[in-house]
Amino acid sequence: MTSLVTQVILILLKYEYMFGLSTKGDYGLSFLEALAERPDDLISLKDIAKTKRLPLKYIERLAGLLKKAELIKSKEGAGGGYMLAKPARDIQLVNVLKVLEGDLSPTVCAVDVQACARAGSCQMRHGWHHIHQQIQDLLSHYTLNDLINNEQLTINKFTNSKHMDNQLLISPKVSI
């Protein structure tokens, strides 16, 4: 039997309601993908922009964010460029998306009850908090490598999770 929380997550994911990637997230993941495709090479931002069809000025800003978060490293000068700071298999999606998208909460109250003007009268915040925790758990069990290599992403990949109780299927095109 599917829990109510899991059913809500399925609906939200299916319709991309509230959980769509921003341009920043989309371009940032494409930028990381370019680096993961050539893990031993330093790659210039110009090459990444051309290969992935991304605006150079935009990925220059993303490079700063990703470097500050220690997801990538760089070398300046002739022959310089960017590379992943560690193998793609060691980069959790939750960490990437937090840098690119900010807090991955479906609602403000899921992480900060005080931020909601209706906190005293709303009973849904506990459910939203639980959904937020499940999203965090799900994304923490998948890596950049899983996403790039088109691995079948399923909740049952991590059967010991105390929060997951269903076999949600998440693939590049969410199928439910």
C-alpha atoms as a PDB file:
ATOM      1  CA  MET A   1       0.000   0.000   0.000  1.00  0.00           C
ATOM      2  CA  THR A   2       1.329   3.397  -0.974  1.00  0.00           C
ATOM      3  CA  SER A   3       1.450   6.011   1.780  1.00  0.00           C
ATOM      4  CA  LEU A   4      -0.314   9.343   1.309  1.00  0.00           C
ATOM      5  CA  VAL A   5       3.010  11.178   1.338  1.00  0.00           C
ATOM      6  CA  THR A   6       4.406   8.959  -1.413  1.00  0.00           C
ATOM      7  CA  GLN A   7       1.225   9.472  -3.443  1.00  0.00           C
ATOM      8  CA  VAL A   8       1.635  13.247  -3.163  1.00  0.00           C
ATOM      9  CA  ILE A   9       5.274  13.004  -4.282  1.00  0.00           C
ATOM     10  CA  LEU A  10       4.218  10.874  -7.254  1.00  0.00           C
ATOM     11  CA  ILE A  11       1.637  13.441  -8.304  1.00  0.00           C
ATOM     12  CA  LEU A  12       4.022  16.364  -7.876  1.00  0.00           C
ATOM     13  CA  LEU A  13       6.755  14.654  -9.878  1.00  0.00           C
ATOM     14  CA  LYS A  14       4.403  13.450 -12.590  1.00  0.00           C
ATOM     15  CA  TYR A  15       3.100  16.911 -13.302  1.00  0.00           C
ATOM     16  CA  GLU A  16       6.392  18.671 -12.533  1.00  0.00           C
ATOM     17  CA  TYR A  17       4.412  20.832 -10.132  1.00  0.00           C
ATOM     18  CA  MET A  18       6.707  22.854  -7.898  1.00  0.00           C
ATOM     19  CA  PHE A  19       9.716  20.694  -8.705  1.00  0.00           C
ATOM     20  CA  GLY A  20      10.727  21.770 -12.175  1.00  0.00           C
ATOM     21  CA  LEU A  21      14.352  22.730 -12.618  1.00  0.00           C
ATOM     22  CA  SER A  22      15.118  26.380 -13.181  1.00  0.00           C
ATOM     23  CA  THR A  23      17.373  27.492 -16.015  1.00  0.00           C
ATOM     24  CA  LYS A  24      20.151  27.678 -13.443  1.00  0.00           C
ATOM     25  CA  GLY A  25      19.622  24.044 -12.455  1.00  0.00           C
ATOM     26  CA  ASP A  26      19.301  22.874 -16.032  1.00  0.00           C
ATOM     27  CA  TYR A  27      22.418  24.693 -17.247  1.00  0.00           C
ATOM     28  CA  GLY A  28      24.360  23.756 -14.121  1.00  0.00           C
ATOM     29  CA  LEU A  29      23.668  20.055 -14.590  1.00  0.00           C
ATOM     30  CA  SER A  30      24.606  20.310 -18.276  1.00  0.00           C
ATOM     31  CA  PHE A  31      27.837  22.047 -17.260  1.00  0.00           C
ATOM     32  CA  LEU A  32      28.655  19.246 -14.816  1.00  0.00           C
ATOM     33  CA  GLU A  33      27.722  16.661 -17.433  1.00  0.00           C
ATOM     34  CA  ALA A  34      30.282  18.161 -19.819  1.00  0.00           C
ATOM     35  CA  LEU A  35      32.965  17.833 -17.148  1.00  0.00           C
ATOM     36  CA  ALA A  36      31.916  14.284 -16.260  1.00  0.00           C
ATOM     37  CA  GLU A  37      32.154  13.213 -19.905  1.00  0.00           C
ATOM     38  CA  ARG A  38      35.870  14.061 -19.856  1.00  0.00           C
ATOM     39  CA  PRO A  39      36.875  13.462 -16.232  1.00  0.00           C
ATOM     40  CA  ASP A  40      40.642  13.606 -16.776  1.00  0.00           C
ATOM     41  CA  ASP A  41      40.671  16.790 -18.864  1.00  0.00           C
ATOM     42  CA  LEU A  42      40.615  20.464 -18.034  1.00  0.00           C
ATOM     43  CA  ILE A  43      37.851  21.928 -20.186  1.00  0.00           C
ATOM     44  CA  SER A  44      37.460  25.591 -21.034  1.00  0.00           C
ATOM     45  CA  LEU A  45      34.169  27.358 -20.464  1.00  0.00           C
ATOM     46  CA  LYS A  46      34.131  28.236 -24.168  1.00  0.00           C
ATOM     47  CA  ASP A  47      34.262  24.554 -25.081  1.00  0.00           C
ATOM     48  CA  ILE A  48      31.511  23.712 -22.608  1.00  0.00           C
ATOM     49  CA  ALA A  49      29.336  26.561 -23.871  1.00  0.00           C
ATOM     50  CA  LYS A  50      29.771  25.401 -27.453  1.00  0.00           C
ATOM     51  CA  THR A  51      29.363  21.669 -26.792  1.00  0.00           C
ATOM     52  CA  LYS A  52      26.327  21.991 -24.521  1.00  0.00           C
ATOM     53  CA  ARG A  53      24.873  25.048 -26.282  1.00  0.00           C
ATOM     54  CA  LEU A  54      24.915  27.169 -23.130  1.00  0.00           C
ATOM     55  CA  PRO A  55      25.408  30.945 -22.815  1.00  0.00           C
ATOM     56  CA  LEU A  56      29.034  31.591 -21.876  1.00  0.00           C
ATOM     57  CA  LYS A  57      28.259  34.471 -19.499  1.00  0.00           C
ATOM     58  CA  TYR A  58      25.733  32.320 -17.649  1.00  0.00           C
ATOM     59  CA  ILE A  59      28.065  29.376 -17.126  1.00  0.00           C
ATOM     60  CA  GLU A  60      30.811  31.727 -15.990  1.00  0.00           C
ATOM     61  CA  ARG A  61      28.580  32.608 -13.029  1.00  0.00           C
ATOM     62  CA  LEU A  62      27.662  28.961 -12.485  1.00  0.00           C
ATOM     63  CA  ALA A  63      31.330  28.004 -12.468  1.00  0.00           C
ATOM     64  CA  GLY A  64      31.878  30.376  -9.544  1.00  0.00           C
ATOM     65  CA  LEU A  65      29.013  28.833  -7.570  1.00  0.00           C
ATOM     66  CA  LEU A  66      30.079  25.265  -8.285  1.00  0.00           C
ATOM     67  CA  LYS A  67      33.702  26.014  -7.451  1.00  0.00           C
ATOM     68  CA  LYS A  68      32.761  27.682  -4.166  1.00  0.00           C
ATOM     69  CA  ALA A  69      30.737  24.558  -3.305  1.00  0.00           C
ATOM     70  CA  GLU A  70      33.830  22.450  -4.122  1.00  0.00           C
ATOM     71  CA  LEU A  71      32.009  20.476  -6.805  1.00  0.00           C
ATOM     72  CA  ILE A  72      34.481  21.601  -9.472  1.00  0.00           C
ATOM     73  CA  LYS A  73      38.039  22.863  -9.568  1.00  0.00           C
ATOM     74  CA  SER A  74      39.880  25.021 -12.040  1.00  0.00           C
ATOM     75  CA  LYS A  75      43.284  25.928 -13.353  1.00  0.00           C
ATOM     76  CA  GLU A  76      43.886  29.355 -14.788  1.00  0.00           C
ATOM     77  CA  GLY A  77      46.076  30.295 -17.719  1.00  0.00           C
ATOM     78  CA  ALA A  78      47.124  28.568 -20.908  1.00  0.00           C
ATOM     79  CA  GLY A  79      45.917  24.983 -20.941  1.00  0.00           C
ATOM     80  CA  GLY A  80      43.631  25.735 -18.003  1.00  0.00           C
ATOM     81  CA  GLY A  81      39.995  24.987 -17.569  1.00  0.00           C
ATOM     82  CA  TYR A  82      37.570  23.199 -15.302  1.00  0.00           C
ATOM     83  CA  MET A  83      37.103  19.656 -14.080  1.00  0.00           C
ATOM     84  CA  LEU A  84      35.030  17.872 -11.457  1.00  0.00           C
ATOM     85  CA  ALA A  85      36.524  18.079  -7.974  1.00  0.00           C
ATOM     86  CA  LYS A  86      35.789  14.375  -7.491  1.00  0.00           C
ATOM     87  CA  PRO A  87      34.412  11.531  -9.602  1.00  0.00           C
ATOM     88  CA  ALA A  88      30.800  11.888 -10.778  1.00  0.00           C
ATOM     89  CA  ARG A  89      29.934   8.736  -8.815  1.00  0.00           C
ATOM     90  CA  ASP A  90      30.841  10.602  -5.610  1.00  0.00           C
ATOM     91  CA  ILE A  91      28.772  13.731  -6.278  1.00  0.00           C
ATOM     92  CA  GLN A  92      25.310  13.414  -4.738  1.00  0.00           C
ATOM     93  CA  LEU A  93      22.440  15.016  -6.645  1.00  0.00           C
ATOM     94  CA  VAL A  94      21.125  16.567  -3.441  1.00  0.00           C
ATOM     95  CA  ASN A  95      24.344  18.574  -3.071  1.00  0.00           C
ATOM     96  CA  VAL A  96      24.343  19.723  -6.685  1.00  0.00           C
ATOM     97  CA  LEU A  97      20.702  20.778  -6.609  1.00  0.00           C
ATOM     98  CA  LYS A  98      21.065  22.632  -3.306  1.00  0.00           C
ATOM     99  CA  VAL A  99      23.828  24.726  -4.860  1.00  0.00           C
ATOM    100  CA  LEU A 100      21.937  25.352  -8.094  1.00  0.00           C
ATOM    101  CA  GLU A 101      18.342  25.533  -6.888  1.00  0.00           C
ATOM    102  CA  GLY A 102      18.670  26.495  -3.238  1.00  0.00           C
ATOM    103  CA  ASP A 103      16.522  24.813  -0.640  1.00  0.00           C
ATOM    104  CA  LEU A 104      14.635  21.928  -2.204  1.00  0.00           C
ATOM    105  CA  SER A 105      11.551  22.427  -0.098  1.00  0.00           C
ATOM    106  CA  PRO A 106       8.078  22.167  -1.642  1.00  0.00           C
ATOM    107  CA  THR A 107       6.914  24.894   0.767  1.00  0.00           C
ATOM    108  CA  VAL A 108       8.629  27.415   3.022  1.00  0.00           C
ATOM    109  CA  CYS A 109       7.146  25.882   6.175  1.00  0.00           C
ATOM    110  CA  ALA A 110       8.668  22.481   5.419  1.00  0.00           C
ATOM    111  CA  VAL A 111      12.019  23.765   6.659  1.00  0.00           C
ATOM    112  CA  ASP A 112      11.116  26.896   8.648  1.00  0.00           C
ATOM    113  CA  VAL A 113       7.774  26.959  10.443  1.00  0.00           C
ATOM    114  CA  GLN A 114       8.374  30.560  11.545  1.00  0.00           C
ATOM    115  CA  ALA A 115       8.557  31.721   7.913  1.00  0.00           C
ATOM    116  CA  CYS A 116       4.879  30.988   7.343  1.00  0.00           C
ATOM    117  CA  ALA A 117       2.243  33.487   8.442  1.00  0.00           C
ATOM    118  CA  ARG A 118      -0.311  30.661   8.802  1.00  0.00           C
ATOM    119  CA  ALA A 119       1.910  28.350  10.859  1.00  0.00           C
ATOM    120  CA  GLY A 120      -0.367  28.453  13.884  1.00  0.00           C
ATOM    121  CA  SER A 121      -3.501  27.492  11.974  1.00  0.00           C
ATOM    122  CA  CYS A 122      -2.168  25.147   9.283  1.00  0.00           C
ATOM    123  CA  GLN A 123      -1.907  21.437   9.920  1.00  0.00           C
ATOM    124  CA  MET A 124      -0.242  20.609   6.595  1.00  0.00           C
ATOM    125  CA  ARG A 125       3.252  21.728   7.603  1.00  0.00           C
ATOM    126  CA  HIS A 126       4.021  18.338   9.163  1.00  0.00           C
ATOM    127  CA  GLY A 127       3.063  16.570   5.943  1.00  0.00           C
ATOM    128  CA  TRP A 128       5.119  19.023   3.879  1.00  0.00           C
ATOM    129  CA  HIS A 129       8.065  18.520   6.204  1.00  0.00           C
ATOM    130  CA  HIS A 130       7.784  14.751   5.699  1.00  0.00           C
ATOM    131  CA  ILE A 131       7.633  15.188   1.908  1.00  0.00           C
ATOM    132  CA  HIS A 132      10.666  17.492   2.061  1.00  0.00           C
ATOM    133  CA  GLN A 133      12.582  14.849   4.031  1.00  0.00           C
ATOM    134  CA  GLN A 134      11.686  12.154   1.503  1.00  0.00           C
ATOM    135  CA  ILE A 135      12.880  14.334  -1.378  1.00  0.00           C
ATOM    136  CA  GLN A 136      16.169  14.942   0.448  1.00  0.00           C
ATOM    137  CA  ASP A 137      16.569  11.212   1.124  1.00  0.00           C
ATOM    138  CA  LEU A 138      15.808  10.287  -2.475  1.00  0.00           C
ATOM    139  CA  LEU A 139      18.247  12.781  -3.972  1.00  0.00           C
ATOM    140  CA  SER A 140      20.984  11.898  -1.481  1.00  0.00           C
ATOM    141  CA  HIS A 141      21.028   8.319  -2.764  1.00  0.00           C
ATOM    142  CA  TYR A 142      21.690   9.247  -6.376  1.00  0.00           C
ATOM    143  CA  THR A 143      24.792  10.685  -7.929  1.00  0.00           C
ATOM    144  CA  LEU A 144      25.670  12.787 -10.919  1.00  0.00           C
ATOM    145  CA  ASN A 145      26.947   9.569 -12.502  1.00  0.00           C
ATOM    146  CA  ASP A 146      23.541   7.873 -12.035  1.00  0.00           C
ATOM    147  CA  LEU A 147      21.811  10.745 -13.780  1.00  0.00           C
ATOM    148  CA  ILE A 148      24.301  11.042 -16.638  1.00  0.00           C
ATOM    149  CA  ASN A 149      24.456   7.316 -17.328  1.00  0.00           C
ATOM    150  CA  ASN A 150      20.693   7.082 -17.525  1.00  0.00           C
ATOM    151  CA  GLU A 151      20.523   4.655 -14.631  1.00  0.00           C
ATOM    152  CA  GLN A 152      17.032   3.585 -13.729  1.00  0.00           C
ATOM    153  CA  LEU A 153      16.409   5.645 -10.626  1.00  0.00           C
ATOM    154  CA  THR A 154      14.121   3.905  -8.190  1.00  0.00           C
ATOM    155  CA  ILE A 155      13.359   4.374  -4.557  1.00  0.00           C
ATOM    156  CA  ASN A 156      14.133   0.715  -3.900  1.00  0.00           C
ATOM    157  CA  LYS A 157      17.808   1.423  -4.696  1.00  0.00           C
ATOM    158  CA  PHE A 158      18.161   2.199  -1.012  1.00  0.00           C
ATOM    159  CA  THR A 159      15.925  -0.284   0.744  1.00  0.00           C
ATOM    160  CA  ASN A 160      17.172   0.607   4.207  1.00  0.00           C
ATOM    161  CA  SER A 161      15.726   4.123   4.118  1.00  0.00           C
ATOM    162  CA  LYS A 162      13.256   4.669   6.922  1.00  0.00           C
ATOM    163  CA  HIS A 163      11.341   7.222   4.866  1.00  0.00           C
ATOM    164  CA  MET A 164      10.656   5.352   1.649  1.00  0.00           C
ATOM    165  CA  ASP A 165       7.966   2.734   1.364  1.00  0.00           C
ATOM    166  CA  ASN A 166       7.226   2.495  -2.338  1.00  0.00           C
ATOM    167  CA  GLN A 167       8.956   1.714  -5.613  1.00  0.00           C
ATOM    168  CA  LEU A 168       8.677   5.075  -7.290  1.00  0.00           C
ATOM    169  CA  LEU A 169      10.270   5.019 -10.710  1.00  0.00           C
ATOM    170  CA  ILE A 170      12.138   8.133 -11.730  1.00  0.00           C
ATOM    171  CA  SER A 171      13.765   8.212 -15.118  1.00  0.00           C
ATOM    172  CA  PRO A 172      14.779  11.104 -17.362  1.00  0.00           C
ATOM    173  CA  LYS A 173      11.120  11.363 -18.292  1.00  0.00           C
ATOM    174  CA  VAL A 174       9.251  10.708 -15.074  1.00  0.00           C
ATOM    175  CA  SER A 175       7.004   7.676 -15.497  1.00  0.00           C
ATOM    176  CA  ILE A 176       4.484   6.864 -12.867  1.00  0.00           C
END
